[in-house]
Amino acid sequence: VQLQASGGGMVQAGGSLRLSCVASGSIFRAGVMGWYRQAPGKQRELVALIHKVGSSDYADSVKGRFTISRDDAKNTVYLQMNSLKPEDTAVYYCSAVGSNVWGQGTQVTVSS
């Protein structure tokens, strides 16, 4: 499996979820890993990214609420999502930034 995302679900507004993504070694070693999301009728957008050295960046819409991290020993990238809002509802995907390689995403649904 090249990219396997998990951890999605249904939560109420204000709740939290933690997403995980296991990547094949070749993809993970590419360097920058990112979490993306795609809501119905909208384009896929980059939510957060993390460099090999651990520095990260976030879309303005999730700053202060989401935290991306990586475990190089497990080829896994995480997305801790707190204070979730209905507008966070989307399918979430992980990928090596710029690779255009995608796996199955995981659905996140936030109810008001």
C-alpha atoms as a PDB file:
ATOM      1  CA  VAL A   1       0.000   0.000   0.000  1.00  0.00           C
ATOM      2  CA  GLN A   2       1.500   3.314  -1.023  1.00  0.00           C
ATOM      3  CA  LEU A   3      -0.710   5.568   1.095  1.00  0.00           C
ATOM      4  CA  GLN A   4      -3.305   4.439   3.630  1.00  0.00           C
ATOM      5  CA  ALA A   5      -5.225   7.076   5.548  1.00  0.00           C
ATOM      6  CA  SER A   6      -7.432   6.266   8.535  1.00  0.00           C
ATOM      7  CA  GLY A   7      -9.019   7.793  11.599  1.00  0.00           C
ATOM      8  CA  GLY A   8     -11.902   9.710  10.091  1.00  0.00           C
ATOM      9  CA  GLY A   9     -15.413   9.645  11.449  1.00  0.00           C
ATOM     10  CA  MET A  10     -18.391  11.682  12.526  1.00  0.00           C
ATOM     11  CA  VAL A  11     -18.070  14.194  15.351  1.00  0.00           C
ATOM     12  CA  GLN A  12     -19.962  17.174  16.657  1.00  0.00           C
ATOM     13  CA  ALA A  13     -18.641  20.673  16.271  1.00  0.00           C
ATOM     14  CA  GLY A  14     -15.936  21.337  18.823  1.00  0.00           C
ATOM     15  CA  GLY A  15     -14.818  17.723  18.848  1.00  0.00           C
ATOM     16  CA  SER A  16     -11.488  16.178  17.905  1.00  0.00           C
ATOM     17  CA  LEU A  17     -10.150  13.510  15.607  1.00  0.00           C
ATOM     18  CA  ARG A  18      -6.699  12.166  14.898  1.00  0.00           C
ATOM     19  CA  LEU A  19      -5.932  11.018  11.386  1.00  0.00           C
ATOM     20  CA  SER A  20      -3.101   8.651  10.523  1.00  0.00           C
ATOM     21  CA  CYS A  21      -1.476   7.891   7.205  1.00  0.00           C
ATOM     22  CA  VAL A  22       0.970   5.091   6.577  1.00  0.00           C
ATOM     23  CA  ALA A  23       3.086   5.574   3.470  1.00  0.00           C
ATOM     24  CA  SER A  24       5.462   3.342   1.600  1.00  0.00           C
ATOM     25  CA  GLY A  25       9.077   4.067   2.384  1.00  0.00           C
ATOM     26  CA  SER A  26       9.847   5.563  -1.019  1.00  0.00           C
ATOM     27  CA  ILE A  27       7.024   8.067  -0.692  1.00  0.00           C
ATOM     28  CA  PHE A  28       7.741   8.931   2.910  1.00  0.00           C
ATOM     29  CA  ARG A  29      11.432   9.483   2.256  1.00  0.00           C
ATOM     30  CA  ALA A  30      10.561  11.935  -0.545  1.00  0.00           C
ATOM     31  CA  GLY A  31      10.570  14.603   2.125  1.00  0.00           C
ATOM     32  CA  VAL A  32       7.599  16.871   2.555  1.00  0.00           C
ATOM     33  CA  MET A  33       4.374  15.130   3.544  1.00  0.00           C
ATOM     34  CA  GLY A  34       1.029  16.825   3.468  1.00  0.00           C
ATOM     35  CA  TRP A  35      -2.580  16.411   4.432  1.00  0.00           C
ATOM     36  CA  TYR A  36      -5.157  17.547   1.909  1.00  0.00           C
ATOM     37  CA  ARG A  37      -8.928  17.653   1.953  1.00  0.00           C
ATOM     38  CA  GLN A  38     -11.677  17.785  -0.613  1.00  0.00           C
ATOM     39  CA  ALA A  39     -15.200  18.843   0.240  1.00  0.00           C
ATOM     40  CA  PRO A  40     -18.130  18.056  -2.087  1.00  0.00           C
ATOM     41  CA  GLY A  41     -18.096  20.367  -5.094  1.00  0.00           C
ATOM     42  CA  LYS A  42     -14.767  21.908  -4.147  1.00  0.00           C
ATOM     43  CA  GLN A  43     -11.191  21.491  -5.253  1.00  0.00           C
ATOM     44  CA  ARG A  44      -8.741  19.532  -3.195  1.00  0.00           C
ATOM     45  CA  GLU A  45      -6.781  21.842  -0.898  1.00  0.00           C
ATOM     46  CA  LEU A  46      -3.591  21.511   1.107  1.00  0.00           C
ATOM     47  CA  VAL A  47      -4.370  21.677   4.813  1.00  0.00           C
ATOM     48  CA  ALA A  48      -0.986  21.072   6.419  1.00  0.00           C
ATOM     49  CA  LEU A  49       2.515  19.997   5.494  1.00  0.00           C
ATOM     50  CA  ILE A  50       5.576  18.850   7.371  1.00  0.00           C
ATOM     51  CA  HIS A  51       9.202  18.751   6.301  1.00  0.00           C
ATOM     52  CA  LYS A  52      11.681  15.992   7.118  1.00  0.00           C
ATOM     53  CA  VAL A  53      13.240  18.199   9.768  1.00  0.00           C
ATOM     54  CA  GLY A  54       9.851  18.627  11.398  1.00  0.00           C
ATOM     55  CA  SER A  55       8.963  22.177  10.449  1.00  0.00           C
ATOM     56  CA  SER A  56       5.344  22.564   9.425  1.00  0.00           C
ATOM     57  CA  ASP A  57       2.897  24.952   7.839  1.00  0.00           C
ATOM     58  CA  TYR A  58      -0.882  25.208   7.800  1.00  0.00           C
ATOM     59  CA  ALA A  59      -3.718  26.656   5.807  1.00  0.00           C
ATOM     60  CA  ASP A  60      -5.097  29.757   7.504  1.00  0.00           C
ATOM     61  CA  SER A  61      -8.438  28.024   7.997  1.00  0.00           C
ATOM     62  CA  VAL A  62      -6.932  25.411  10.328  1.00  0.00           C
ATOM     63  CA  LYS A  63      -4.110  27.283  12.057  1.00  0.00           C
ATOM     64  CA  GLY A  64      -4.276  26.900  15.807  1.00  0.00           C
ATOM     65  CA  ARG A  65      -6.672  23.950  15.563  1.00  0.00           C
ATOM     66  CA  PHE A  66      -4.802  21.284  13.565  1.00  0.00           C
ATOM     67  CA  THR A  67      -1.350  19.827  14.245  1.00  0.00           C
ATOM     68  CA  ILE A  68       0.626  17.716  11.794  1.00  0.00           C
ATOM     69  CA  SER A  69       3.375  15.378  12.940  1.00  0.00           C
ATOM     70  CA  ARG A  70       5.400  12.487  11.563  1.00  0.00           C
ATOM     71  CA  ASP A  71       6.978   9.315  12.853  1.00  0.00           C
ATOM     72  CA  ASP A  72       9.800   8.407  10.501  1.00  0.00           C
ATOM     73  CA  ALA A  73      10.311   5.003  12.130  1.00  0.00           C
ATOM     74  CA  LYS A  74       6.756   4.066  11.200  1.00  0.00           C
ATOM     75  CA  ASN A  75       6.524   5.918   7.869  1.00  0.00           C
ATOM     76  CA  THR A  76       3.452   7.568   9.323  1.00  0.00           C
ATOM     77  CA  VAL A  77       2.129  11.107   9.290  1.00  0.00           C
ATOM     78  CA  TYR A  78      -0.597  12.275  11.650  1.00  0.00           C
ATOM     79  CA  LEU A  79      -3.111  15.084  11.732  1.00  0.00           C
ATOM     80  CA  GLN A  80      -4.532  16.021  15.111  1.00  0.00           C
ATOM     81  CA  MET A  81      -7.705  18.010  14.545  1.00  0.00           C
ATOM     82  CA  ASN A  82      -9.228  19.930  17.447  1.00  0.00           C
ATOM     83  CA  SER A  83     -12.123  22.382  17.689  1.00  0.00           C
ATOM     84  CA  LEU A  84     -13.620  20.909  14.561  1.00  0.00           C
ATOM     85  CA  LYS A  85     -16.145  22.937  12.593  1.00  0.00           C
ATOM     86  CA  PRO A  86     -18.816  21.865  10.096  1.00  0.00           C
ATOM     87  CA  GLU A  87     -16.739  23.463   7.336  1.00  0.00           C
ATOM     88  CA  ASP A  88     -13.980  20.940   8.070  1.00  0.00           C
ATOM     89  CA  THR A  89     -16.232  18.231   6.626  1.00  0.00           C
ATOM     90  CA  ALA A  90     -14.368  16.615   3.728  1.00  0.00           C
ATOM     91  CA  VAL A  91     -12.466  13.579   2.578  1.00  0.00           C
ATOM     92  CA  TYR A  92      -8.924  13.866   3.898  1.00  0.00           C
ATOM     93  CA  TYR A  93      -5.922  12.525   1.991  1.00  0.00           C
ATOM     94  CA  CYS A  94      -2.228  12.391   2.660  1.00  0.00           C
ATOM     95  CA  SER A  95       0.451  12.606   0.020  1.00  0.00           C
ATOM     96  CA  ALA A  96       4.025  13.577  -0.586  1.00  0.00           C
ATOM     97  CA  VAL A  97       3.691  17.215  -1.582  1.00  0.00           C
ATOM     98  CA  GLY A  98       4.099  17.615  -5.324  1.00  0.00           C
ATOM     99  CA  SER A  99       4.004  13.874  -6.050  1.00  0.00           C
ATOM    100  CA  ASN A 100       0.430  13.574  -7.332  1.00  0.00           C
ATOM    101  CA  VAL A 101       0.316  10.133  -5.736  1.00  0.00           C
ATOM    102  CA  TRP A 102      -2.872   9.535  -3.824  1.00  0.00           C
ATOM    103  CA  GLY A 103      -4.358   6.756  -1.792  1.00  0.00           C
ATOM    104  CA  GLN A 104      -7.810   6.286  -0.389  1.00  0.00           C
ATOM    105  CA  GLY A 105      -8.849   9.150   1.792  1.00  0.00           C
ATOM    106  CA  THR A 106     -10.740   9.097   5.047  1.00  0.00           C
ATOM    107  CA  GLN A 107     -14.075  10.822   5.534  1.00  0.00           C
ATOM    108  CA  VAL A 108     -14.439  13.454   8.243  1.00  0.00           C
ATOM    109  CA  THR A 109     -17.942  14.697   8.974  1.00  0.00           C
ATOM    110  CA  VAL A 110     -18.574  17.449  11.523  1.00  0.00           C
ATOM    111  CA  SER A 111     -22.147  18.150  12.562  1.00  0.00           C
ATOM    112  CA  SER A 112     -23.339  21.436  14.008  1.00  0.00           C
END
